[in-house]
Amino acid sequence: MELFTLCKSEQWQEILEKLSQKSKLVMSLTDPGGKIFLTSSGVRNPLCTEIRNKPEALKFICSQTNTAMTQMVSRTKEPVVETCEGGMLRVAVPVLFEGEILGQITGCGVLDNPDEIDAFYLSKQTGLEESVINEMIKDIEICLEETVASFSNEILDELQKIG
């Protein structure tokens, strides 16, 4: 079974949009290894946008977290909520069919605690001034880790409706 056998692309996109609107996270559908197939149309916060626009920053911030979380989801077959290298929350929920991981639904881009963002580190990774990063932090949605973890269970419930 494959992701797009389980649901058509349009159905997955509808699921991602619904989840993104509810959570304020940018949601993606990935393969089991974390490669993105589809992404919701939600707008990323300015800091995430800057990180994703710089290949080296993307590699050291997003990719490292993606790799670690993909391994955790593969091992546990359970949702995982972690803080990314950039200091923001990220969720990964396995898409399962008969115990086999077909892919993941991931979401990212909110803050549990603005003090967890290391502006100096991000400045070195992105080339942006620390003051610019500190201003961007002010525009990031605050959402407690417990809320994101609870939301991951809602994602699982949504997935059970299609599986």
Protein backbone atom coordinates (compact mmCIF):
# COMPACT_ATOMS: atom_id res chain seq x y z
CA MET A 1 0.00 0.00 0.00
CA GLU A 2 1.22 3.50 -0.81
CA LEU A 3 0.13 6.93 0.44
CA PHE A 4 -1.54 7.87 -2.83
CA THR A 5 -3.32 4.51 -3.00
CA LEU A 6 -4.75 5.13 0.45
CA CYS A 7 -5.94 8.63 -0.57
CA LYS A 8 -5.71 10.68 -3.73
CA SER A 9 -3.49 13.74 -3.77
CA GLU A 10 -6.51 16.05 -3.56
CA GLN A 11 -7.79 14.25 -0.46
CA TRP A 12 -4.41 14.52 1.24
CA GLN A 13 -4.27 18.21 0.37
CA GLU A 14 -7.71 18.73 1.95
CA ILE A 15 -6.54 16.96 5.10
CA LEU A 16 -3.40 19.11 5.27
CA GLU A 17 -5.40 22.32 4.79
CA LYS A 18 -7.89 21.36 7.49
CA LEU A 19 -5.12 20.50 9.94
CA SER A 20 -3.17 23.66 9.12
CA GLN A 21 -6.18 25.93 9.64
CA LYS A 22 -6.94 24.32 12.96
CA SER A 23 -3.39 24.31 14.31
CA LYS A 24 -1.71 27.36 12.73
CA LEU A 25 1.10 24.98 11.73
CA VAL A 26 2.30 24.54 8.18
CA MET A 27 1.50 20.88 7.51
CA SER A 28 3.22 18.50 5.10
CA LEU A 29 2.77 14.95 3.87
CA THR A 30 6.04 13.05 3.56
CA ASP A 31 7.29 9.63 2.58
CA PRO A 32 8.61 7.37 5.40
CA GLY A 33 12.05 8.99 5.06
CA GLY A 34 10.75 12.53 5.46
CA LYS A 35 10.78 13.65 1.80
CA ILE A 36 7.92 16.12 1.31
CA PHE A 37 5.17 15.28 -1.20
CA LEU A 38 2.57 17.93 -0.33
CA THR A 39 2.43 21.03 1.88
CA SER A 40 -0.51 23.06 3.13
CA SER A 41 -1.02 26.55 1.81
CA GLY A 42 -0.54 28.07 5.27
CA VAL A 43 1.96 30.90 5.56
CA ARG A 44 5.20 30.14 7.37
CA ASN A 45 6.35 32.55 10.02
CA PRO A 46 9.06 34.97 8.79
CA LEU A 47 11.88 33.18 10.62
CA CYS A 48 11.01 29.77 9.14
CA THR A 49 10.76 31.39 5.71
CA GLU A 50 14.26 32.87 6.06
CA ILE A 51 15.69 29.56 7.28
CA ARG A 52 14.09 27.64 4.41
CA ASN A 53 15.36 30.17 1.84
CA LYS A 54 18.97 29.50 2.80
CA PRO A 55 20.18 26.00 1.81
CA GLU A 56 22.90 25.82 4.49
CA ALA A 57 20.53 26.96 7.24
CA LEU A 58 17.88 24.54 5.99
CA LYS A 59 20.43 21.73 6.17
CA PHE A 60 21.57 22.49 9.73
CA ILE A 61 18.22 23.51 11.20
CA CYS A 62 15.28 21.81 9.49
CA SER A 63 16.97 18.75 8.00
CA GLN A 64 18.66 17.63 11.22
CA THR A 65 15.39 17.79 13.14
CA ASN A 66 13.52 16.09 10.31
CA THR A 67 16.02 13.23 10.25
CA ALA A 68 15.92 12.70 14.02
CA MET A 69 12.12 12.84 14.20
CA THR A 70 11.71 10.53 11.20
CA GLN A 71 13.88 7.96 12.97
CA MET A 72 11.84 8.30 16.18
CA VAL A 73 8.53 7.89 14.32
CA SER A 74 9.91 4.87 12.42
CA ARG A 75 11.01 3.25 15.67
CA THR A 76 7.94 3.98 17.81
CA LYS A 77 5.17 4.31 15.19
CA GLU A 78 3.80 7.04 17.48
CA PRO A 79 3.48 10.83 17.12
CA VAL A 80 6.54 12.84 18.15
CA VAL A 81 6.70 16.49 19.23
CA GLU A 82 10.13 18.08 19.48
CA THR A 83 11.79 21.47 19.41
CA CYS A 84 13.67 22.00 16.15
CA GLU A 85 17.23 23.29 15.94
CA GLY A 86 15.69 26.72 15.37
CA GLY A 87 13.83 26.63 18.70
CA MET A 88 10.32 26.08 17.31
CA LEU A 89 7.98 23.14 17.79
CA ARG A 90 7.61 20.42 15.21
CA VAL A 91 5.23 17.46 15.14
CA ALA A 92 5.50 14.23 13.15
CA VAL A 93 2.66 11.71 13.01
CA PRO A 94 3.02 8.38 11.21
CA VAL A 95 0.57 7.41 8.48
CA LEU A 96 0.05 3.73 9.17
CA PHE A 97 -1.68 0.98 7.24
CA GLU A 98 -1.79 -2.48 8.81
CA GLY A 99 1.18 -1.55 11.02
CA GLU A 100 3.33 -0.36 8.11
CA ILE A 101 4.46 3.27 7.94
CA LEU A 102 3.42 4.72 4.60
CA GLY A 103 4.58 8.22 5.43
CA GLN A 104 4.14 11.03 7.92
CA ILE A 105 2.13 14.15 8.45
CA THR A 106 4.38 16.83 9.87
CA GLY A 107 3.79 20.34 11.08
CA CYS A 108 6.06 23.10 12.30
CA GLY A 109 6.50 26.75 13.02
CA VAL A 110 5.11 27.67 16.45
CA LEU A 111 6.84 28.53 19.71
CA ASP A 112 6.36 26.97 23.10
CA ASN A 113 8.80 29.41 24.67
CA PRO A 114 10.34 32.40 22.85
CA ASP A 115 13.37 32.16 25.16
CA GLU A 116 14.28 28.83 23.53
CA ILE A 117 15.30 30.53 20.31
CA ASP A 118 19.03 31.19 20.14
CA ALA A 119 19.25 34.33 17.99
CA PHE A 120 23.06 34.16 17.96
CA TYR A 121 23.05 30.60 16.57
CA LEU A 122 20.37 31.46 14.00
CA SER A 123 22.29 34.56 12.99
CA LYS A 124 25.35 32.41 12.26
CA GLN A 125 23.26 29.92 10.27
CA THR A 126 21.20 32.44 8.27
CA GLY A 127 23.47 35.47 7.97
CA LEU A 128 20.73 37.66 9.45
CA GLU A 129 21.44 40.16 12.21
CA GLU A 130 20.42 39.03 15.70
CA SER A 131 18.21 42.12 16.01
CA VAL A 132 16.32 41.10 12.85
CA ILE A 133 15.84 37.58 14.21
CA ASN A 134 14.61 38.96 17.54
CA GLU A 135 12.00 41.03 15.67
CA MET A 136 10.90 37.96 13.68
CA ILE A 137 10.46 35.99 16.90
CA LYS A 138 7.76 38.45 17.95
CA ASP A 139 5.63 37.36 14.96
CA ILE A 140 5.72 33.63 15.74
CA GLU A 141 2.54 32.08 17.11
CA ILE A 142 2.83 30.88 20.72
CA CYS A 143 1.50 27.38 21.33
CA LEU A 144 2.32 25.18 24.31
CA GLU A 145 4.03 21.87 23.63
CA GLU A 146 1.16 20.09 25.40
CA THR A 147 -1.28 21.66 22.94
CA VAL A 148 0.77 20.49 19.96
CA ALA A 149 1.02 17.01 21.49
CA SER A 150 -2.75 16.92 21.93
CA PHE A 151 -3.15 18.07 18.34
CA SER A 152 -0.96 15.16 17.20
CA ASN A 153 -3.61 12.82 18.62
CA GLU A 154 -6.24 14.68 16.58
CA ILE A 155 -4.13 14.02 13.50
CA LEU A 156 -4.06 10.32 14.38
CA ASP A 157 -7.86 10.37 14.72
CA GLU A 158 -8.15 12.03 11.30
CA LEU A 159 -5.86 9.39 9.80
CA GLN A 160 -7.89 6.55 11.30
CA LYS A 161 -10.93 7.80 9.38
CA ILE A 162 -9.15 7.13 6.09
CA GLY A 163 -7.17 4.02 7.03
